[in-house]
Amino acid sequence: MRGVAGSVISLGAAVSATGWNVQTAALAFASMGLTFAMWWTNVSIPFGEILHAHRERSFTFGYGHLPIYGAIAGLGAGLHVVAYYVEAGHDPEVAEWVHIGPVGAVLAVAIPVVIFIVSLFAMWSALFRSTDPGHLFAMLGATGAILGTVLLAKAGVSVAWCLIVLCLAPAIIVLAYEVRGHEHQAAALARQSDQHG
């Protein structure tokens, strides 16, 4: 919910400052894309099935979601920072008290995405008592997208376009899951169910 609120706030600030244009459309796409891609990666894990097989892992599930939900809230806050950055570029009154550059604005969104991805994979490994080599490749791809985003911001690419590149981080994980990850996850779930039975 916080991610959607941050998306709406950042988009509202951008549209009120500059009107609808390619950059505000890119910001809208990136904000909602990040929010929903993070949601999709979280709900793709069969938490119900693993907890049914191993109820004693509910503590890990419950407390393991704290950094995940914190990162989602952080995404909303980061998008709010982007809104201030965009507004400061067009409103001198806002520019007087907003002192953040494009790299800082991008990092305000990128850091929660990193925390989300690392926390989600750590919780998966803890719940399934397993590691999956596919996770390493997905994390490397996501890390590349995140680093690319920061480098683009340093090179002067607009924040809206940087956030579109940042959308690739959770999208790579979703794609990896849809292509092969669901098979690996089903096998890991079957192993855990066999241990329970």
N, C-alpha and C. Protein backbone atom coordinates (compact mmCIF):
# COMPACT_ATOMS: atom_id res chain seq x y z
N MET A 1 0.82 -1.19 0.00
CA MET A 1 0.00 0.00 0.00
C MET A 1 0.87 1.26 0.00
N ARG A 2 1.94 1.24 0.79
CA ARG A 2 2.83 2.40 0.86
C ARG A 2 3.50 2.65 -0.49
N GLY A 3 3.83 1.56 -1.21
CA GLY A 3 4.44 1.72 -2.53
C GLY A 3 3.49 2.38 -3.51
N VAL A 4 2.21 2.00 -3.46
CA VAL A 4 1.22 2.62 -4.34
C VAL A 4 1.05 4.09 -3.96
N ALA A 5 1.00 4.38 -2.65
CA ALA A 5 0.88 5.78 -2.22
C ALA A 5 2.07 6.60 -2.69
N GLY A 6 3.28 6.04 -2.56
CA GLY A 6 4.47 6.74 -3.04
C GLY A 6 4.43 6.96 -4.54
N SER A 7 3.91 5.98 -5.26
CA SER A 7 3.78 6.12 -6.72
C SER A 7 2.85 7.26 -7.07
N VAL A 8 1.71 7.32 -6.39
CA VAL A 8 0.73 8.36 -6.67
C VAL A 8 1.28 9.74 -6.31
N ILE A 9 1.96 9.84 -5.18
CA ILE A 9 2.53 11.13 -4.75
C ILE A 9 3.60 11.60 -5.72
N SER A 10 4.51 10.68 -6.10
CA SER A 10 5.58 11.08 -7.01
C SER A 10 5.01 11.48 -8.37
N LEU A 11 4.01 10.76 -8.84
CA LEU A 11 3.40 11.09 -10.12
C LEU A 11 2.66 12.41 -10.04
N GLY A 12 1.92 12.62 -8.95
CA GLY A 12 1.20 13.88 -8.78
C GLY A 12 2.13 15.07 -8.78
N ALA A 13 3.27 14.93 -8.09
CA ALA A 13 4.24 16.03 -8.05
C ALA A 13 4.83 16.29 -9.43
N ALA A 14 5.14 15.23 -10.13
CA ALA A 14 5.74 15.39 -11.46
C ALA A 14 4.75 16.03 -12.43
N VAL A 15 3.50 15.59 -12.39
CA VAL A 15 2.49 16.13 -13.32
C VAL A 15 2.18 17.58 -12.98
N SER A 16 2.08 17.90 -11.67
CA SER A 16 1.79 19.29 -11.31
C SER A 16 2.95 20.21 -11.67
N ALA A 17 4.18 19.69 -11.63
CA ALA A 17 5.34 20.52 -11.94
C ALA A 17 5.56 20.69 -13.43
N THR A 18 5.36 19.61 -14.20
CA THR A 18 5.72 19.68 -15.62
C THR A 18 4.57 19.34 -16.57
N GLY A 19 3.45 18.84 -16.04
CA GLY A 19 2.38 18.37 -16.91
C GLY A 19 2.71 16.98 -17.44
N TRP A 20 1.79 16.43 -18.21
CA TRP A 20 2.03 15.10 -18.78
C TRP A 20 3.00 15.21 -19.95
N ASN A 21 4.06 14.43 -19.89
CA ASN A 21 5.03 14.35 -20.98
C ASN A 21 5.68 12.97 -20.93
N VAL A 22 6.67 12.75 -21.73
CA VAL A 22 7.32 11.44 -21.78
C VAL A 22 7.95 11.11 -20.43
N GLN A 23 8.56 12.11 -19.78
CA GLN A 23 9.22 11.84 -18.50
C GLN A 23 8.21 11.49 -17.41
N THR A 24 7.09 12.18 -17.34
CA THR A 24 6.10 11.85 -16.31
C THR A 24 5.46 10.50 -16.60
N ALA A 25 5.27 10.16 -17.87
CA ALA A 25 4.74 8.84 -18.20
C ALA A 25 5.74 7.75 -17.80
N ALA A 26 7.04 8.02 -18.01
CA ALA A 26 8.07 7.06 -17.60
C ALA A 26 8.09 6.91 -16.09
N LEU A 27 7.92 8.01 -15.37
CA LEU A 27 7.88 7.96 -13.91
C LEU A 27 6.66 7.16 -13.43
N ALA A 28 5.53 7.35 -14.08
CA ALA A 28 4.32 6.59 -13.71
C ALA A 28 4.54 5.10 -13.94
N PHE A 29 5.09 4.76 -15.09
CA PHE A 29 5.35 3.36 -15.42
C PHE A 29 6.33 2.75 -14.42
N ALA A 30 7.41 3.47 -14.13
CA ALA A 30 8.44 2.94 -13.23
C ALA A 30 7.90 2.76 -11.82
N SER A 31 7.17 3.74 -11.32
CA SER A 31 6.64 3.67 -9.96
C SER A 31 5.71 2.47 -9.78
N MET A 32 4.76 2.35 -10.67
CA MET A 32 3.81 1.24 -10.55
C MET A 32 4.48 -0.08 -10.91
N GLY A 33 5.39 -0.06 -11.87
CA GLY A 33 6.10 -1.28 -12.25
C GLY A 33 6.91 -1.84 -11.09
N LEU A 34 7.63 -0.98 -10.38
CA LEU A 34 8.40 -1.44 -9.22
C LEU A 34 7.49 -2.00 -8.14
N THR A 35 6.42 -1.29 -7.85
CA THR A 35 5.51 -1.72 -6.80
C THR A 35 4.92 -3.09 -7.11
N PHE A 36 4.42 -3.27 -8.31
CA PHE A 36 3.77 -4.54 -8.64
C PHE A 36 4.75 -5.68 -8.87
N ALA A 37 5.93 -5.37 -9.39
CA ALA A 37 6.93 -6.44 -9.55
C ALA A 37 7.40 -6.95 -8.19
N MET A 38 7.55 -6.06 -7.22
CA MET A 38 7.92 -6.50 -5.88
C MET A 38 6.80 -7.33 -5.26
N TRP A 39 5.56 -6.90 -5.46
CA TRP A 39 4.43 -7.67 -4.94
C TRP A 39 4.41 -9.06 -5.57
N TRP A 40 4.62 -9.15 -6.89
CA TRP A 40 4.56 -10.41 -7.61
C TRP A 40 5.63 -11.38 -7.10
N THR A 41 6.84 -10.87 -6.90
CA THR A 41 7.90 -11.76 -6.42
C THR A 41 7.57 -12.29 -5.03
N ASN A 42 6.94 -11.49 -4.20
CA ASN A 42 6.61 -11.94 -2.85
C ASN A 42 5.51 -13.00 -2.87
N VAL A 43 4.47 -12.80 -3.70
CA VAL A 43 3.35 -13.75 -3.69
C VAL A 43 3.64 -15.00 -4.51
N SER A 44 4.74 -15.03 -5.23
CA SER A 44 5.07 -16.24 -6.01
C SER A 44 5.63 -17.35 -5.13
N ILE A 45 5.97 -17.05 -3.90
CA ILE A 45 6.49 -18.07 -2.99
C ILE A 45 5.31 -18.75 -2.29
N PRO A 46 5.26 -20.07 -2.31
CA PRO A 46 4.13 -20.79 -1.70
C PRO A 46 4.26 -20.88 -0.17
N PHE A 47 4.10 -19.74 0.48
CA PHE A 47 4.26 -19.71 1.93
C PHE A 47 3.28 -20.63 2.63
N GLY A 48 2.04 -20.68 2.15
CA GLY A 48 1.03 -21.51 2.78
C GLY A 48 1.42 -22.98 2.80
N GLU A 49 1.92 -23.48 1.68
CA GLU A 49 2.28 -24.89 1.58
C GLU A 49 3.46 -25.26 2.47
N ILE A 50 4.48 -24.40 2.49
CA ILE A 50 5.65 -24.72 3.31
C ILE A 50 5.30 -24.63 4.79
N LEU A 51 4.45 -23.68 5.16
CA LEU A 51 4.05 -23.57 6.56
C LEU A 51 3.09 -24.69 6.97
N HIS A 52 2.32 -25.20 6.02
CA HIS A 52 1.47 -26.35 6.32
C HIS A 52 2.33 -27.57 6.63
N ALA A 53 3.40 -27.72 5.86
CA ALA A 53 4.29 -28.87 6.07
C ALA A 53 5.17 -28.69 7.30
N HIS A 54 5.53 -27.46 7.62
CA HIS A 54 6.45 -27.18 8.74
C HIS A 54 5.95 -25.97 9.52
N ARG A 55 5.01 -26.21 10.39
CA ARG A 55 4.43 -25.11 11.18
C ARG A 55 5.45 -24.46 12.10
N GLU A 56 6.48 -25.20 12.47
CA GLU A 56 7.49 -24.64 13.37
C GLU A 56 8.29 -23.52 12.71
N ARG A 57 8.13 -23.34 11.41
CA ARG A 57 8.86 -22.28 10.70
C ARG A 57 8.04 -20.98 10.63
N SER A 58 6.91 -20.94 11.30
CA SER A 58 6.07 -19.75 11.25
C SER A 58 6.77 -18.53 11.87
N PHE A 59 7.62 -18.76 12.86
CA PHE A 59 8.38 -17.66 13.46
C PHE A 59 9.27 -17.01 12.40
N THR A 60 9.96 -17.84 11.62
CA THR A 60 10.81 -17.33 10.54
C THR A 60 9.98 -16.57 9.52
N PHE A 61 8.82 -17.12 9.19
CA PHE A 61 7.94 -16.47 8.23
C PHE A 61 7.48 -15.10 8.74
N GLY A 62 7.02 -15.07 9.96
CA GLY A 62 6.49 -13.82 10.51
C GLY A 62 7.54 -12.74 10.64
N TYR A 63 8.63 -13.07 11.31
CA TYR A 63 9.67 -12.07 11.52
C TYR A 63 10.51 -11.84 10.26
N GLY A 64 10.54 -12.82 9.38
CA GLY A 64 11.26 -12.65 8.12
C GLY A 64 10.60 -11.63 7.20
N HIS A 65 9.30 -11.40 7.43
CA HIS A 65 8.60 -10.42 6.61
C HIS A 65 8.85 -8.98 7.08
N LEU A 66 9.39 -8.81 8.27
CA LEU A 66 9.63 -7.44 8.74
C LEU A 66 10.53 -6.64 7.80
N PRO A 67 11.71 -7.17 7.41
CA PRO A 67 12.51 -6.38 6.46
C PRO A 67 11.87 -6.27 5.08
N ILE A 68 11.09 -7.28 4.71
CA ILE A 68 10.41 -7.22 3.40
C ILE A 68 9.38 -6.11 3.39
N TYR A 69 8.53 -6.07 4.42
CA TYR A 69 7.52 -5.02 4.49
C TYR A 69 8.17 -3.66 4.72
N GLY A 70 9.27 -3.64 5.48
CA GLY A 70 10.00 -2.39 5.66
C GLY A 70 10.55 -1.87 4.34
N ALA A 71 11.04 -2.78 3.50
CA ALA A 71 11.57 -2.37 2.19
C ALA A 71 10.46 -1.85 1.29
N ILE A 72 9.29 -2.47 1.36
CA ILE A 72 8.16 -2.00 0.56
C ILE A 72 7.75 -0.60 1.02
N ALA A 73 7.71 -0.38 2.35
CA ALA A 73 7.42 0.96 2.87
C ALA A 73 8.53 1.93 2.45
N GLY A 74 9.78 1.45 2.48
CA GLY A 74 10.91 2.28 2.06
C GLY A 74 10.81 2.67 0.59
N LEU A 75 10.26 1.76 -0.23
CA LEU A 75 10.06 2.09 -1.64
C LEU A 75 9.10 3.27 -1.76
N GLY A 76 8.00 3.21 -1.00
CA GLY A 76 7.06 4.33 -1.04
C GLY A 76 7.70 5.63 -0.60
N ALA A 77 8.50 5.57 0.47
CA ALA A 77 9.19 6.76 0.94
C ALA A 77 10.20 7.25 -0.10
N GLY A 78 10.91 6.31 -0.74
CA GLY A 78 11.87 6.69 -1.78
C GLY A 78 11.19 7.36 -2.97
N LEU A 79 10.03 6.85 -3.34
CA LEU A 79 9.28 7.48 -4.44
C LEU A 79 8.81 8.88 -4.03
N HIS A 80 8.53 9.06 -2.75
CA HIS A 80 8.18 10.39 -2.25
C HIS A 80 9.38 11.33 -2.38
N VAL A 81 10.58 10.82 -2.10
CA VAL A 81 11.80 11.62 -2.27
C VAL A 81 11.96 12.01 -3.74
N VAL A 82 11.69 11.07 -4.65
CA VAL A 82 11.75 11.38 -6.08
C VAL A 82 10.76 12.49 -6.42
N ALA A 83 9.57 12.44 -5.81
CA ALA A 83 8.58 13.48 -6.06
C ALA A 83 9.12 14.85 -5.66
N TYR A 84 9.77 14.92 -4.48
CA TYR A 84 10.36 16.19 -4.05
C TYR A 84 11.46 16.64 -5.00
N TYR A 85 12.26 15.69 -5.46
CA TYR A 85 13.35 16.02 -6.38
C TYR A 85 12.79 16.61 -7.68
N VAL A 86 11.76 15.96 -8.22
CA VAL A 86 11.16 16.44 -9.48
C VAL A 86 10.52 17.80 -9.27
N GLU A 87 9.80 17.95 -8.16
CA GLU A 87 9.14 19.22 -7.87
C GLU A 87 10.15 20.34 -7.66
N ALA A 88 11.27 20.03 -7.00
CA ALA A 88 12.30 21.05 -6.75
C ALA A 88 12.91 21.57 -8.04
N GLY A 89 12.92 20.75 -9.07
CA GLY A 89 13.47 21.19 -10.35
C GLY A 89 12.59 22.20 -11.06
N HIS A 90 11.35 22.36 -10.60
CA HIS A 90 10.42 23.27 -11.28
C HIS A 90 9.78 24.31 -10.36
N ASP A 91 10.03 24.19 -9.07
CA ASP A 91 9.42 25.12 -8.11
C ASP A 91 10.51 25.68 -7.21
N PRO A 92 10.82 26.97 -7.35
CA PRO A 92 11.91 27.56 -6.56
C PRO A 92 11.69 27.48 -5.05
N GLU A 93 10.44 27.54 -4.61
CA GLU A 93 10.16 27.44 -3.17
C GLU A 93 10.52 26.06 -2.63
N VAL A 94 10.20 25.03 -3.40
CA VAL A 94 10.54 23.66 -2.98
C VAL A 94 12.06 23.47 -3.07
N ALA A 95 12.66 24.05 -4.09
CA ALA A 95 14.11 23.90 -4.28
C ALA A 95 14.90 24.49 -3.12
N GLU A 96 14.31 25.44 -2.38
CA GLU A 96 15.02 26.04 -1.25
C GLU A 96 15.28 25.03 -0.13
N TRP A 97 14.39 24.06 0.04
CA TRP A 97 14.56 23.11 1.15
C TRP A 97 14.83 21.68 0.71
N VAL A 98 14.79 21.41 -0.58
CA VAL A 98 15.13 20.07 -1.08
C VAL A 98 16.55 20.12 -1.62
N HIS A 99 17.45 19.40 -0.97
CA HIS A 99 18.86 19.42 -1.36
C HIS A 99 19.31 18.00 -1.67
N ILE A 100 18.74 17.42 -2.69
CA ILE A 100 19.13 16.07 -3.10
C ILE A 100 19.34 16.08 -4.60
N GLY A 101 20.36 15.38 -5.03
CA GLY A 101 20.66 15.30 -6.45
C GLY A 101 20.02 14.07 -7.07
N PRO A 102 20.23 13.87 -8.35
CA PRO A 102 19.62 12.73 -9.03
C PRO A 102 20.11 11.38 -8.51
N VAL A 103 21.38 11.29 -8.14
CA VAL A 103 21.90 10.02 -7.62
C VAL A 103 21.25 9.70 -6.27
N GLY A 104 21.12 10.71 -5.42
CA GLY A 104 20.46 10.51 -4.14
C GLY A 104 19.00 10.11 -4.30
N ALA A 105 18.32 10.73 -5.26
CA ALA A 105 16.92 10.38 -5.51
C ALA A 105 16.79 8.94 -5.99
N VAL A 106 17.68 8.53 -6.88
CA VAL A 106 17.65 7.14 -7.38
C VAL A 106 17.99 6.17 -6.26
N LEU A 107 19.00 6.51 -5.45
CA LEU A 107 19.36 5.61 -4.33
C LEU A 107 18.23 5.48 -3.31
N ALA A 108 17.42 6.53 -3.15
CA ALA A 108 16.30 6.46 -2.21
C ALA A 108 15.31 5.38 -2.61
N VAL A 109 15.27 5.04 -3.89
CA VAL A 109 14.40 3.97 -4.37
C VAL A 109 15.18 2.66 -4.51
N ALA A 110 16.42 2.74 -4.96
CA ALA A 110 17.21 1.53 -5.22
C ALA A 110 17.55 0.77 -3.94
N ILE A 111 17.85 1.47 -2.86
CA ILE A 111 18.23 0.79 -1.62
C ILE A 111 17.09 -0.07 -1.08
N PRO A 112 15.84 0.42 -1.03
CA PRO A 112 14.75 -0.47 -0.60
C PRO A 112 14.57 -1.68 -1.51
N VAL A 113 14.82 -1.51 -2.81
CA VAL A 113 14.69 -2.64 -3.73
C VAL A 113 15.76 -3.69 -3.40
N VAL A 114 16.98 -3.26 -3.11
CA VAL A 114 18.05 -4.19 -2.72
C VAL A 114 17.67 -4.94 -1.44
N ILE A 115 17.20 -4.20 -0.44
CA ILE A 115 16.82 -4.83 0.83
C ILE A 115 15.69 -5.83 0.61
N PHE A 116 14.73 -5.48 -0.21
CA PHE A 116 13.63 -6.38 -0.51
C PHE A 116 14.13 -7.68 -1.14
N ILE A 117 14.95 -7.57 -2.16
CA ILE A 117 15.42 -8.76 -2.89
C ILE A 117 16.25 -9.66 -1.99
N VAL A 118 17.19 -9.08 -1.26
CA VAL A 118 18.04 -9.88 -0.37
C VAL A 118 17.19 -10.54 0.73
N SER A 119 16.28 -9.79 1.32
CA SER A 119 15.43 -10.34 2.39
C SER A 119 14.53 -11.45 1.88
N LEU A 120 13.99 -11.28 0.69
CA LEU A 120 13.09 -12.30 0.14
C LEU A 120 13.84 -13.61 -0.12
N PHE A 121 15.03 -13.52 -0.73
CA PHE A 121 15.79 -14.73 -0.98
C PHE A 121 16.28 -15.37 0.32
N ALA A 122 16.65 -14.55 1.29
CA ALA A 122 17.09 -15.09 2.58
C ALA A 122 15.94 -15.82 3.27
N MET A 123 14.73 -15.26 3.21
CA MET A 123 13.60 -15.92 3.85
C MET A 123 13.24 -17.20 3.11
N TRP A 124 13.32 -17.19 1.79
CA TRP A 124 13.04 -18.41 1.02
C TRP A 124 14.00 -19.52 1.46
N SER A 125 15.28 -19.19 1.54
CA SER A 125 16.29 -20.19 1.93
C SER A 125 16.04 -20.69 3.34
N ALA A 126 15.65 -19.80 4.25
CA ALA A 126 15.39 -20.21 5.63
C ALA A 126 14.15 -21.09 5.73
N LEU A 127 13.11 -20.77 4.99
CA LEU A 127 11.88 -21.57 5.05
C LEU A 127 12.03 -22.92 4.37
N PHE A 128 12.73 -22.95 3.24
CA PHE A 128 12.87 -24.19 2.49
C PHE A 128 14.10 -24.98 2.91
N ARG A 129 14.92 -24.43 3.81
CA ARG A 129 16.15 -25.08 4.27
C ARG A 129 16.97 -25.54 3.06
N SER A 130 17.09 -24.64 2.11
CA SER A 130 17.72 -24.99 0.85
C SER A 130 18.25 -23.71 0.19
N THR A 131 19.16 -23.89 -0.75
CA THR A 131 19.57 -22.79 -1.62
C THR A 131 19.34 -23.25 -3.05
N ASP A 132 19.10 -22.30 -3.90
CA ASP A 132 18.83 -22.61 -5.30
C ASP A 132 19.83 -21.83 -6.15
N PRO A 133 20.63 -22.52 -6.97
CA PRO A 133 21.59 -21.79 -7.81
C PRO A 133 20.91 -20.76 -8.71
N GLY A 134 19.67 -21.01 -9.08
CA GLY A 134 18.94 -20.05 -9.90
C GLY A 134 18.77 -18.71 -9.21
N HIS A 135 18.67 -18.75 -7.86
CA HIS A 135 18.55 -17.51 -7.11
C HIS A 135 19.80 -16.65 -7.27
N LEU A 136 20.95 -17.29 -7.31
CA LEU A 136 22.20 -16.54 -7.47
C LEU A 136 22.21 -15.81 -8.81
N PHE A 137 21.81 -16.50 -9.87
CA PHE A 137 21.79 -15.86 -11.19
C PHE A 137 20.76 -14.73 -11.24
N ALA A 138 19.59 -14.95 -10.63
CA ALA A 138 18.57 -13.91 -10.60
C ALA A 138 19.06 -12.69 -9.80
N MET A 139 19.73 -12.96 -8.68
CA MET A 139 20.24 -11.86 -7.87
C MET A 139 21.36 -11.10 -8.60
N LEU A 140 22.19 -11.83 -9.35
CA LEU A 140 23.25 -11.15 -10.12
C LEU A 140 22.65 -10.26 -11.20
N GLY A 141 21.63 -10.76 -11.88
CA GLY A 141 20.95 -9.95 -12.89
C GLY A 141 20.30 -8.72 -12.28
N ALA A 142 19.62 -8.90 -11.14
CA ALA A 142 18.98 -7.78 -10.46
C ALA A 142 20.02 -6.77 -9.98
N THR A 143 21.14 -7.27 -9.47
CA THR A 143 22.21 -6.39 -9.01
C THR A 143 22.77 -5.57 -10.17
N GLY A 144 22.91 -6.20 -11.32
CA GLY A 144 23.37 -5.48 -12.51
C GLY A 144 22.43 -4.35 -12.89
N ALA A 145 21.13 -4.61 -12.82
CA ALA A 145 20.15 -3.57 -13.13
C ALA A 145 20.24 -2.42 -12.13
N ILE A 146 20.41 -2.76 -10.86
CA ILE A 146 20.48 -1.73 -9.82
C ILE A 146 21.74 -0.88 -9.98
N LEU A 147 22.88 -1.53 -10.19
CA LEU A 147 24.12 -0.77 -10.40
C LEU A 147 24.05 0.07 -11.67
N GLY A 148 23.44 -0.49 -12.71
CA GLY A 148 23.26 0.27 -13.94
C GLY A 148 22.43 1.51 -13.73
N THR A 149 21.42 1.40 -12.89
CA THR A 149 20.57 2.55 -12.58
C THR A 149 21.37 3.68 -11.95
N VAL A 150 22.19 3.34 -10.96
CA VAL A 150 22.99 4.35 -10.27
C VAL A 150 24.00 4.97 -11.24
N LEU A 151 24.62 4.15 -12.08
CA LEU A 151 25.59 4.68 -13.06
C LEU A 151 24.91 5.61 -14.06
N LEU A 152 23.70 5.27 -14.47
CA LEU A 152 22.96 6.14 -15.39
C LEU A 152 22.65 7.49 -14.73
N ALA A 153 22.27 7.44 -13.45
CA ALA A 153 21.98 8.69 -12.73
C ALA A 153 23.24 9.55 -12.64
N LYS A 154 24.39 8.91 -12.38
CA LYS A 154 25.66 9.66 -12.32
C LYS A 154 26.00 10.26 -13.68
N ALA A 155 25.59 9.57 -14.74
CA ALA A 155 25.90 10.05 -16.09
C ALA A 155 24.95 11.15 -16.55
N GLY A 156 23.93 11.46 -15.73
CA GLY A 156 23.03 12.56 -16.08
C GLY A 156 21.74 12.15 -16.74
N VAL A 157 21.45 10.86 -16.80
CA VAL A 157 20.17 10.41 -17.35
C VAL A 157 19.07 10.80 -16.37
N SER A 158 17.90 11.16 -16.88
CA SER A 158 16.82 11.63 -16.00
C SER A 158 16.42 10.54 -15.01
N VAL A 159 15.96 10.98 -13.85
CA VAL A 159 15.58 10.06 -12.77
C VAL A 159 14.46 9.13 -13.23
N ALA A 160 13.52 9.64 -14.00
CA ALA A 160 12.40 8.80 -14.47
C ALA A 160 12.92 7.62 -15.29
N TRP A 161 13.87 7.89 -16.19
CA TRP A 161 14.41 6.81 -17.02
C TRP A 161 15.27 5.86 -16.19
N CYS A 162 15.96 6.40 -15.19
CA CYS A 162 16.73 5.54 -14.28
C CYS A 162 15.81 4.57 -13.54
N LEU A 163 14.65 5.07 -13.13
CA LEU A 163 13.71 4.20 -12.42
C LEU A 163 13.14 3.12 -13.33
N ILE A 164 13.01 3.42 -14.61
CA ILE A 164 12.56 2.37 -15.54
C ILE A 164 13.61 1.26 -15.60
N VAL A 165 14.88 1.64 -15.64
CA VAL A 165 15.94 0.62 -15.62
C VAL A 165 15.90 -0.15 -14.30
N LEU A 166 15.63 0.55 -13.21
CA LEU A 166 15.52 -0.11 -11.91
C LEU A 166 14.39 -1.13 -11.87
N CYS A 167 13.34 -0.90 -12.65
CA CYS A 167 12.24 -1.88 -12.74
C CYS A 167 12.74 -3.24 -13.21
N LEU A 168 13.85 -3.26 -13.92
CA LEU A 168 14.39 -4.53 -14.41
C LEU A 168 14.81 -5.44 -13.27
N ALA A 169 15.20 -4.87 -12.11
CA ALA A 169 15.69 -5.71 -11.01
C ALA A 169 14.64 -6.71 -10.55
N PRO A 170 13.45 -6.27 -10.10
CA PRO A 170 12.45 -7.29 -9.73
C PRO A 170 11.88 -8.01 -10.94
N ALA A 171 11.87 -7.35 -12.11
CA ALA A 171 11.35 -8.01 -13.31
C ALA A 171 12.22 -9.20 -13.70
N ILE A 172 13.53 -9.09 -13.52
CA ILE A 172 14.44 -10.22 -13.82
C ILE A 172 14.10 -11.40 -12.91
N ILE A 173 13.81 -11.11 -11.66
CA ILE A 173 13.46 -12.19 -10.72
C ILE A 173 12.14 -12.83 -11.11
N VAL A 174 11.15 -12.01 -11.49
CA VAL A 174 9.87 -12.54 -11.93
C VAL A 174 10.07 -13.41 -13.17
N LEU A 175 10.84 -12.92 -14.12
CA LEU A 175 11.10 -13.68 -15.35
C LEU A 175 11.81 -15.00 -15.06
N ALA A 176 12.82 -14.95 -14.18
CA ALA A 176 13.54 -16.18 -13.81
C ALA A 176 12.59 -17.19 -13.18
N TYR A 177 11.67 -16.70 -12.34
CA TYR A 177 10.71 -17.60 -11.71
C TYR A 177 9.78 -18.20 -12.75
N GLU A 178 9.27 -17.38 -13.66
CA GLU A 178 8.32 -17.86 -14.66
C GLU A 178 8.96 -18.83 -15.64
N VAL A 179 10.25 -18.62 -15.96
CA VAL A 179 10.91 -19.48 -16.93
C VAL A 179 11.29 -20.82 -16.32
N ARG A 180 12.00 -20.81 -15.19
CA ARG A 180 12.48 -22.06 -14.59
C ARG A 180 12.27 -22.16 -13.09
N GLY A 181 12.14 -21.03 -12.44
CA GLY A 181 12.11 -21.01 -10.99
C GLY A 181 10.96 -21.78 -10.37
N HIS A 182 9.80 -21.75 -11.03
CA HIS A 182 8.66 -22.47 -10.45
C HIS A 182 8.91 -23.96 -10.37
N GLU A 183 9.69 -24.51 -11.33
CA GLU A 183 10.02 -25.93 -11.29
C GLU A 183 10.94 -26.24 -10.10
N HIS A 184 11.94 -25.39 -9.91
CA HIS A 184 12.87 -25.58 -8.78
C HIS A 184 12.14 -25.42 -7.45
N GLN A 185 11.23 -24.46 -7.40
CA GLN A 185 10.48 -24.23 -6.17
C GLN A 185 9.55 -25.40 -5.88
N ALA A 186 8.92 -25.95 -6.91
CA ALA A 186 8.05 -27.11 -6.72
C ALA A 186 8.86 -28.31 -6.20
N ALA A 187 10.06 -28.49 -6.74
CA ALA A 187 10.91 -29.59 -6.28
C ALA A 187 11.33 -29.38 -4.83
N ALA A 188 11.70 -28.14 -4.47
CA ALA A 188 12.09 -27.85 -3.08
C ALA A 188 10.90 -28.05 -2.15
N LEU A 189 9.71 -27.68 -2.59
CA LEU A 189 8.51 -27.87 -1.77
C LEU A 189 8.21 -29.35 -1.60
N ALA A 190 8.40 -30.13 -2.66
CA ALA A 190 8.17 -31.58 -2.57
C ALA A 190 9.15 -32.22 -1.59
N ARG A 191 10.41 -31.78 -1.62
CA ARG A 191 11.39 -32.32 -0.67
C ARG A 191 10.99 -32.00 0.77
N GLN A 192 10.53 -30.78 1.01
CA GLN A 192 10.13 -30.39 2.35
C GLN A 192 8.87 -31.13 2.79
N SER A 193 7.96 -31.38 1.86
CA SER A 193 6.73 -32.13 2.20
C SER A 193 7.06 -33.57 2.51
N ASP A 194 8.04 -34.16 1.77
CA ASP A 194 8.47 -35.53 2.03
C ASP A 194 9.09 -35.65 3.42
N GLN A 195 9.86 -34.64 3.82
CA GLN A 195 10.46 -34.66 5.15
C GLN A 195 9.40 -34.61 6.23
N HIS A 196 8.31 -33.91 5.95
CA HIS A 196 7.23 -33.78 6.92
C HIS A 196 6.46 -35.08 7.03
N GLY A 197 6.22 -35.72 5.86
CA GLY A 197 5.44 -36.96 5.85
C GLY A 197 6.23 -38.09 6.37
